[in-house]
C-alpha atoms as a PDB file:
ATOM      1  CA  MET A   1       6.022  -3.620 -34.741  1.00  0.00           C
ATOM      2  CA  ARG A   2       3.118  -6.078 -34.676  1.00  0.00           C
ATOM      3  CA  LYS A   3       4.920  -8.202 -32.085  1.00  0.00           C
ATOM      4  CA  LEU A   4       5.526  -5.116 -29.903  1.00  0.00           C
ATOM      5  CA  ALA A   5       1.887  -4.094 -30.215  1.00  0.00           C
ATOM      6  CA  ASP A   6       0.740  -7.598 -29.200  1.00  0.00           C
ATOM      7  CA  THR A   7       3.123  -7.545 -26.218  1.00  0.00           C
ATOM      8  CA  ASP A   8       1.848  -4.117 -25.135  1.00  0.00           C
ATOM      9  CA  GLN A   9      -1.736  -5.350 -25.388  1.00  0.00           C
ATOM     10  CA  GLU A  10      -0.921  -8.402 -23.256  1.00  0.00           C
ATOM     11  CA  ASN A  11       0.803  -6.231 -20.631  1.00  0.00           C
ATOM     12  CA  LEU A  12      -2.147  -3.847 -20.585  1.00  0.00           C
ATOM     13  CA  THR A  13      -4.618  -6.696 -20.156  1.00  0.00           C
ATOM     14  CA  GLU A  14      -2.537  -8.101 -17.298  1.00  0.00           C
ATOM     15  CA  LEU A  15      -2.357  -4.701 -15.575  1.00  0.00           C
ATOM     16  CA  LEU A  16      -6.109  -4.233 -15.884  1.00  0.00           C
ATOM     17  CA  LEU A  17      -6.705  -7.663 -14.352  1.00  0.00           C
ATOM     18  CA  VAL A  18      -4.330  -6.973 -11.464  1.00  0.00           C
ATOM     19  CA  SER A  19      -5.953  -3.582 -10.912  1.00  0.00           C
ATOM     20  CA  LYS A  20      -9.425  -5.119 -10.939  1.00  0.00           C
ATOM     21  CA  LEU A  21      -8.423  -7.579  -8.235  1.00  0.00           C
ATOM     22  CA  ALA A  22      -6.041  -5.437  -6.175  1.00  0.00           C
ATOM     23  CA  VAL A  23      -7.952  -2.161  -5.859  1.00  0.00           C
ATOM     24  CA  PRO A  24     -11.001  -3.668  -4.088  1.00  0.00           C
ATOM     25  CA  MET A  25      -8.675  -5.575  -1.723  1.00  0.00           C
ATOM     26  CA  ILE A  26      -6.632  -2.458  -0.895  1.00  0.00           C
ATOM     27  CA  TRP A  27      -9.832  -0.482  -0.365  1.00  0.00           C
ATOM     28  CA  TYR A  28     -11.241  -3.176   1.916  1.00  0.00           C
ATOM     29  CA  LEU A  29      -8.083  -3.154   4.039  1.00  0.00           C
ATOM     30  CA  TYR A  30      -8.170   0.633   4.232  1.00  0.00           C
ATOM     31  CA  THR A  31     -11.840   0.914   5.259  1.00  0.00           C
ATOM     32  CA  SER A  32     -11.483  -1.970   7.735  1.00  0.00           C
ATOM     33  CA  GLU A  33      -8.558  -0.227   9.425  1.00  0.00           C
ATOM     34  CA  VAL A  34     -10.487   3.068   9.685  1.00  0.00           C
ATOM     35  CA  ALA A  35     -13.519   1.234  11.121  1.00  0.00           C
ATOM     36  CA  SER A  36     -11.261  -0.546  13.625  1.00  0.00           C
ATOM     37  CA  GLN A  37      -9.784   2.759  14.794  1.00  0.00           C
ATOM     38  CA  LYS A  38     -13.259   4.233  15.294  1.00  0.00           C
ATOM     39  CA  LYS A  39     -14.355   1.279  17.413  1.00  0.00           C
ATOM     40  CA  ARG A  40     -11.489   1.910  19.831  1.00  0.00           C
ATOM     41  CA  LEU A  41     -12.390   5.563  20.409  1.00  0.00           C
ATOM     42  CA  GLU A  42     -15.069   7.104  22.601  1.00  0.00           C
ATOM     43  CA  LYS A  43     -17.851   8.942  20.758  1.00  0.00           C
ATOM     44  CA  LEU A  44     -18.206  12.357  22.370  1.00  0.00           C
ATOM     45  CA  VAL A  45     -21.101  13.249  20.045  1.00  0.00           C
ATOM     46  CA  ASP A  46     -23.143  10.857  17.902  1.00  0.00           C
ATOM     47  CA  GLU A  47     -26.293  12.335  16.389  1.00  0.00           C
ATOM     48  CA  GLU A  48     -28.506  11.497  13.420  1.00  0.00           C
ATOM     49  CA  LEU A  49     -30.220  14.780  12.682  1.00  0.00           C
ATOM     50  CA  ALA A  50     -31.554  15.577   9.185  1.00  0.00           C
ATOM     51  CA  ARG A  51     -32.338  19.063  10.439  1.00  0.00           C
ATOM     52  CA  SER A  52     -31.975  22.571   9.130  1.00  0.00           C
ATOM     53  CA  LEU A  53     -29.260  24.847  10.399  1.00  0.00           C
ATOM     54  CA  PRO A  54     -28.152  26.373  12.677  1.00  0.00           C
ATOM     55  CA  TYR A  55     -26.570  23.588  14.695  1.00  0.00           C
ATOM     56  CA  ARG A  56     -24.682  24.171  17.933  1.00  0.00           C
ATOM     57  CA  ARG A  57     -23.072  21.594  20.196  1.00  0.00           C
ATOM     58  CA  SER A  58     -20.524  21.681  23.013  1.00  0.00           C
ATOM     59  CA  PHE A  59     -18.360  18.837  24.274  1.00  0.00           C
ATOM     60  CA  SER A  60     -15.547  18.300  26.754  1.00  0.00           C
ATOM     61  CA  LEU A  61     -12.375  16.242  26.704  1.00  0.00           C
ATOM     62  CA  GLU A  62      -9.150  16.097  28.653  1.00  0.00           C
ATOM     63  CA  TYR A  63      -6.682  16.444  25.772  1.00  0.00           C
ATOM     64  CA  PRO A  64      -6.981  18.451  22.512  1.00  0.00           C
ATOM     65  CA  PHE A  65      -7.099  15.483  20.153  1.00  0.00           C
ATOM     66  CA  PHE A  66     -10.376  14.667  18.406  1.00  0.00           C
ATOM     67  CA  HIS A  67     -11.874  13.732  15.045  1.00  0.00           C
ATOM     68  CA  MET A  68     -15.164  15.179  13.806  1.00  0.00           C
ATOM     69  CA  GLU A  69     -17.335  14.010  10.880  1.00  0.00           C
ATOM     70  CA  MET A  70     -20.359  15.981   9.707  1.00  0.00           C
ATOM     71  CA  THR A  71     -22.633  14.891   6.884  1.00  0.00           C
ATOM     72  CA  LEU A  72     -24.508  17.737   5.203  1.00  0.00           C
ATOM     73  CA  GLN A  73     -26.876  18.179   2.295  1.00  0.00           C
ATOM     74  CA  LEU A  74     -27.392  21.264   0.154  1.00  0.00           C
ATOM     75  CA  LEU A  75     -31.000  21.665  -0.895  1.00  0.00           C
ATOM     76  CA  GLU A  76     -29.898  24.504  -3.142  1.00  0.00           C
ATOM     77  CA  GLU A  77     -26.583  26.095  -4.034  1.00  0.00           C
ATOM     78  CA  SER A  78     -26.069  27.853  -0.731  1.00  0.00           C
ATOM     79  CA  ASP A  79     -23.390  29.343   1.499  1.00  0.00           C
ATOM     80  CA  PHE A  80     -22.602  28.026   4.965  1.00  0.00           C
ATOM     81  CA  GLN A  81     -19.842  28.007   7.533  1.00  0.00           C
ATOM     82  CA  ILE A  82     -18.494  25.738  10.258  1.00  0.00           C
ATOM     83  CA  GLU A  83     -16.967  27.210  13.405  1.00  0.00           C
ATOM     84  CA  LEU A  84     -14.961  25.409  16.055  1.00  0.00           C
ATOM     85  CA  LEU A  85     -14.312  27.320  19.276  1.00  0.00           C
ATOM     86  CA  ARG A  86     -12.099  26.592  22.261  1.00  0.00           C
ATOM     87  CA  ASP A  87     -13.473  27.515  25.704  1.00  0.00           C
ATOM     88  CA  GLU A  88     -16.401  29.315  24.016  1.00  0.00           C
ATOM     89  CA  SER A  89     -14.152  32.219  23.058  1.00  0.00           C
ATOM     90  CA  THR A  90     -11.227  31.458  20.719  1.00  0.00           C
ATOM     91  CA  MET A  91     -12.042  30.317  17.189  1.00  0.00           C
ATOM     92  CA  ILE A  92      -9.495  27.638  16.336  1.00  0.00           C
ATOM     93  CA  PHE A  93     -11.159  26.780  13.019  1.00  0.00           C
ATOM     94  CA  LEU A  94     -13.496  28.500  10.573  1.00  0.00           C
ATOM     95  CA  LEU A  95     -14.638  27.052   7.253  1.00  0.00           C
ATOM     96  CA  ARG A  96     -16.678  29.395   5.064  1.00  0.00           C
ATOM     97  CA  ILE A  97     -18.162  28.302   1.721  1.00  0.00           C
ATOM     98  CA  ASP A  98     -19.268  30.779  -0.939  1.00  0.00           C
ATOM     99  CA  TYR A  99     -21.084  28.589  -3.440  1.00  0.00           C
ATOM    100  CA  ASP A 100     -21.776  31.304  -6.039  1.00  0.00           C
ATOM    101  CA  ASP A 101     -18.090  32.232  -6.290  1.00  0.00           C
ATOM    102  CA  ARG A 102     -16.990  28.602  -5.871  1.00  0.00           C
ATOM    103  CA  ARG A 103     -14.703  29.583  -3.043  1.00  0.00           C
ATOM    104  CA  ILE A 104     -13.830  28.029   0.329  1.00  0.00           C
ATOM    105  CA  VAL A 105     -11.782  29.809   2.979  1.00  0.00           C
ATOM    106  CA  PHE A 106     -10.150  28.064   5.952  1.00  0.00           C
ATOM    107  CA  SER A 107      -9.074  30.357   8.774  1.00  0.00           C
ATOM    108  CA  ASP A 108      -8.523  30.625  12.509  1.00  0.00           C
ATOM    109  CA  GLN A 109      -7.776  33.258  15.131  1.00  0.00           C
ATOM    110  CA  ASN A 110      -4.368  34.110  16.497  1.00  0.00           C
ATOM    111  CA  GLY A 111      -4.146  36.783  19.149  1.00  0.00           C
ATOM    112  CA  GLY A 112      -7.650  37.964  18.297  1.00  0.00           C
ATOM    113  CA  GLU A 113      -6.808  38.389  14.611  1.00  0.00           C
ATOM    114  CA  THR A 114      -8.356  36.204  11.890  1.00  0.00           C
ATOM    115  CA  VAL A 115      -5.727  34.384   9.826  1.00  0.00           C
ATOM    116  CA  GLU A 116      -6.579  32.846   6.437  1.00  0.00           C
ATOM    117  CA  ARG A 117      -4.874  29.466   6.103  1.00  0.00           C
ATOM    118  CA  PHE A 118      -6.201  28.115   2.788  1.00  0.00           C
ATOM    119  CA  VAL A 119      -8.370  29.360  -0.067  1.00  0.00           C
ATOM    120  CA  ILE A 120      -9.892  26.736  -2.385  1.00  0.00           C
ATOM    121  CA  ALA A 121     -11.412  28.126  -5.560  1.00  0.00           C
ATOM    122  CA  ASP A 122     -12.430  27.425  -9.161  1.00  0.00           C
ATOM    123  CA  ASP A 123     -11.426  23.939 -10.360  1.00  0.00           C
ATOM    124  CA  ASP A 124     -10.325  22.877  -6.869  1.00  0.00           C
ATOM    125  CA  PHE A 125     -13.795  23.529  -5.443  1.00  0.00           C
ATOM    126  CA  PRO A 126     -15.269  20.146  -4.344  1.00  0.00           C
ATOM    127  CA  ALA A 127     -18.137  18.654  -6.342  1.00  0.00           C
ATOM    128  CA  LEU A 128     -20.908  19.603  -3.909  1.00  0.00           C
ATOM    129  CA  VAL A 129     -24.150  18.889  -5.749  1.00  0.00           C
ATOM    130  CA  PRO A 130     -27.566  20.011  -4.418  1.00  0.00           C
ATOM    131  CA  GLY A 131     -29.550  17.039  -3.129  1.00  0.00           C
ATOM    132  CA  MET A 132     -26.470  14.866  -2.558  1.00  0.00           C
ATOM    133  CA  ASP A 133     -24.982  14.197   0.879  1.00  0.00           C
ATOM    134  CA  PHE A 134     -21.339  15.061   1.463  1.00  0.00           C
ATOM    135  CA  ARG A 135     -19.103  14.807   4.495  1.00  0.00           C
ATOM    136  CA  VAL A 136     -16.661  17.235   6.088  1.00  0.00           C
ATOM    137  CA  ASN A 137     -13.961  15.651   8.243  1.00  0.00           C
ATOM    138  CA  ILE A 138     -12.146  17.911  10.710  1.00  0.00           C
ATOM    139  CA  GLN A 139      -9.382  16.582  12.908  1.00  0.00           C
ATOM    140  CA  VAL A 140      -7.726  18.525  15.721  1.00  0.00           C
ATOM    141  CA  ALA A 141      -4.301  17.367  16.886  1.00  0.00           C
ATOM    142  CA  ASP A 142      -3.203  19.904  19.489  1.00  0.00           C
ATOM    143  CA  ASP A 143      -2.313  23.021  17.433  1.00  0.00           C
ATOM    144  CA  CYS A 144      -2.796  21.285  14.049  1.00  0.00           C
ATOM    145  CA  ILE A 145      -5.974  21.104  11.954  1.00  0.00           C
ATOM    146  CA  PHE A 146      -6.712  18.570   9.178  1.00  0.00           C
ATOM    147  CA  VAL A 147      -9.734  18.982   6.866  1.00  0.00           C
ATOM    148  CA  SER A 148     -11.112  16.925   3.973  1.00  0.00           C
ATOM    149  CA  PHE A 149     -14.332  16.768   1.924  1.00  0.00           C
ATOM    150  CA  TRP A 150     -15.826  13.378   1.103  1.00  0.00           C
ATOM    151  CA  VAL A 151     -18.193  13.395  -1.875  1.00  0.00           C
ATOM    152  CA  GLY A 152     -19.812  10.323  -3.435  1.00  0.00           C
ATOM    153  CA  ASP A 153     -20.665   6.980  -1.854  1.00  0.00           C
ATOM    154  CA  LEU A 154     -20.382   7.888   1.834  1.00  0.00           C
ATOM    155  CA  SER A 155     -21.016   4.271   2.834  1.00  0.00           C
ATOM    156  CA  LEU A 156     -17.528   3.603   1.434  1.00  0.00           C
ATOM    157  CA  ASP A 157     -18.749   0.272   0.044  1.00  0.00           C
ATOM    158  CA  THR A 158     -17.015   0.893  -3.284  1.00  0.00           C
ATOM    159  CA  PRO A 159     -13.462   2.153  -3.898  1.00  0.00           C
ATOM    160  CA  MET A 160     -13.116   5.893  -4.391  1.00  0.00           C
ATOM    161  CA  ALA A 161     -10.285   8.354  -4.755  1.00  0.00           C
ATOM    162  CA  LEU A 162      -9.234   9.706  -1.381  1.00  0.00           C
ATOM    163  CA  PRO A 163      -9.956  13.435  -1.146  1.00  0.00           C
ATOM    164  CA  ALA A 164      -7.359  16.144  -0.774  1.00  0.00           C
ATOM    165  CA  LYS A 165      -6.452  16.859   2.840  1.00  0.00           C
ATOM    166  CA  TYR A 166      -5.775  20.425   3.939  1.00  0.00           C
ATOM    167  CA  HIS A 167      -3.806  21.022   7.104  1.00  0.00           C
ATOM    168  CA  TRP A 168      -1.860  23.614   9.047  1.00  0.00           C
ATOM    169  CA  CYS A 169      -0.346  24.092  12.499  1.00  0.00           C
ATOM    170  CA  SER A 170      -0.787  27.364  14.366  1.00  0.00           C
ATOM    171  CA  LYS A 171       2.063  26.770  16.854  1.00  0.00           C
ATOM    172  CA  VAL A 172      -0.277  28.183  19.496  1.00  0.00           C
ATOM    173  CA  TYR A 173      -0.670  25.771  22.402  1.00  0.00           C
ATOM    174  CA  HIS A 174      -3.395  26.175  24.976  1.00  0.00           C
ATOM    175  CA  HIS A 175      -4.989  23.583  27.226  1.00  0.00           C
ATOM    176  CA  ALA A 176      -8.773  23.680  27.078  1.00  0.00           C
ATOM    177  CA  THR A 177     -11.471  21.582  28.689  1.00  0.00           C
ATOM    178  CA  SER A 178     -14.392  22.439  26.425  1.00  0.00           C
ATOM    179  CA  TYR A 179     -15.035  22.989  22.731  1.00  0.00           C
ATOM    180  CA  SER A 180     -18.095  24.051  20.774  1.00  0.00           C
ATOM    181  CA  ILE A 181     -19.124  23.561  17.153  1.00  0.00           C
ATOM    182  CA  ASN A 182     -21.448  25.888  15.220  1.00  0.00           C
ATOM    183  CA  VAL A 183     -22.758  25.170  11.712  1.00  0.00           C
ATOM    184  CA  LEU A 184     -24.574  28.112  10.153  1.00  0.00           C
ATOM    185  CA  ASP A 185     -26.580  28.657   6.959  1.00  0.00           C
ATOM    186  CA  LEU A 186     -25.344  32.069   5.813  1.00  0.00           C
ATOM    187  CA  LYS A 187     -28.429  32.784   3.703  1.00  0.00           C
ATOM    188  CA  GLN A 188     -31.038  32.119   6.353  1.00  0.00           C
ATOM    189  CA  THR A 189     -32.923  35.068   7.820  1.00  0.00           C
ATOM    190  CA  SER A 190     -31.497  36.698  10.926  1.00  0.00           C
ATOM    191  CA  SER A 191     -34.940  37.759  12.149  1.00  0.00           C
ATOM    192  CA  SER A 192     -36.136  35.632  15.079  1.00  0.00           C
ATOM    193  CA  ASP A 193     -39.760  36.417  14.123  1.00  0.00           C
ATOM    194  CA  GLU A 194     -39.294  34.772  10.722  1.00  0.00           C
ATOM    195  CA  THR A 195     -37.146  31.824  11.735  1.00  0.00           C
ATOM    196  CA  ASP A 196     -39.938  29.435  12.695  1.00  0.00           C
ATOM    197  CA  SER A 197     -42.078  30.145   9.633  1.00  0.00           C
ATOM    198  CA  ALA A 198     -39.077  29.803   7.325  1.00  0.00           C
ATOM    199  CA  GLU A 199     -37.770  26.596   8.885  1.00  0.00           C
ATOM    200  CA  ASP A 200     -38.537  24.472   5.826  1.00  0.00           C
ATOM    201  CA  LYS A 201     -37.007  27.060   3.476  1.00  0.00           C
ATOM    202  CA  HIS A 202     -33.439  26.729   4.712  1.00  0.00           C
ATOM    203  CA  ASP A 203     -31.010  25.604   2.026  1.00  0.00           C
ATOM    204  CA  VAL A 204     -28.607  23.454   4.085  1.00  0.00           C
ATOM    205  CA  LYS A 205     -29.345  20.445   6.295  1.00  0.00           C
ATOM    206  CA  LEU A 206     -27.068  18.690   8.745  1.00  0.00           C
ATOM    207  CA  MET A 207     -27.720  14.968   8.392  1.00  0.00           C
ATOM    208  CA  SER A 208     -25.392  13.660  11.105  1.00  0.00           C
ATOM    209  CA  ALA A 209     -22.581  14.696  13.424  1.00  0.00           C
ATOM    210  CA  THR A 210     -20.059  12.406  15.095  1.00  0.00           C
ATOM    211  CA  ILE A 211     -17.082  13.426  17.227  1.00  0.00           C
ATOM    212  CA  TYR A 212     -14.484  10.895  18.391  1.00  0.00           C
ATOM    213  CA  GLY A 213     -12.249  11.486  21.388  1.00  0.00           C
ATOM    214  CA  GLY A 214      -8.973  10.763  19.623  1.00  0.00           C
ATOM    215  CA  LEU A 215      -7.274  10.777  16.221  1.00  0.00           C
ATOM    216  CA  ILE A 216      -8.095   8.630  13.204  1.00  0.00           C
ATOM    217  CA  VAL A 217      -5.551   8.002  10.459  1.00  0.00           C
ATOM    218  CA  GLN A 218      -7.312   8.310   7.081  1.00  0.00           C
END
């Protein structure tokens, strides 16, 4: 029994050493490949903002393949939503976060009707902490949508667990030349008279927004 215990301890020590050396190398290769892909793609939007919501931006591209990264910061536990529209009319993606109920709903529109694609709730709710930046990645590949939340060291200098990726395909194909993105703080006042005076009271800030004209494998 003692010999088996010693052997197990040796194997465990060896595994820990291999893990300590291998994980940083694997992470470096992964982040280098992602960075290389981004360098090859045109940036349709590239903005450093640090501004309160709402945020609205339109962009054009020839084919419906693009990757979008938005870094946000919650100043308080607040609700917000992200909308992606095709030709200013059809909502191909809607992300709505209810912080109090710890609930996220992904949906889109099909034939004018809103279709819920995913509901994330309770223990699956991402660790969005007030005062900490987090990133939402949204990728459009024709009729398919891919979404992930990145929380932690957004510089990606240290290894981290890759986040869950949520995706679906609508099987609705439509060529479009323009898209628009709206990011809205759902708790902000709707009165235009109060908006300016309450600018510094908004609970969600958009720190940056980048949109690449093409797909990125992550």
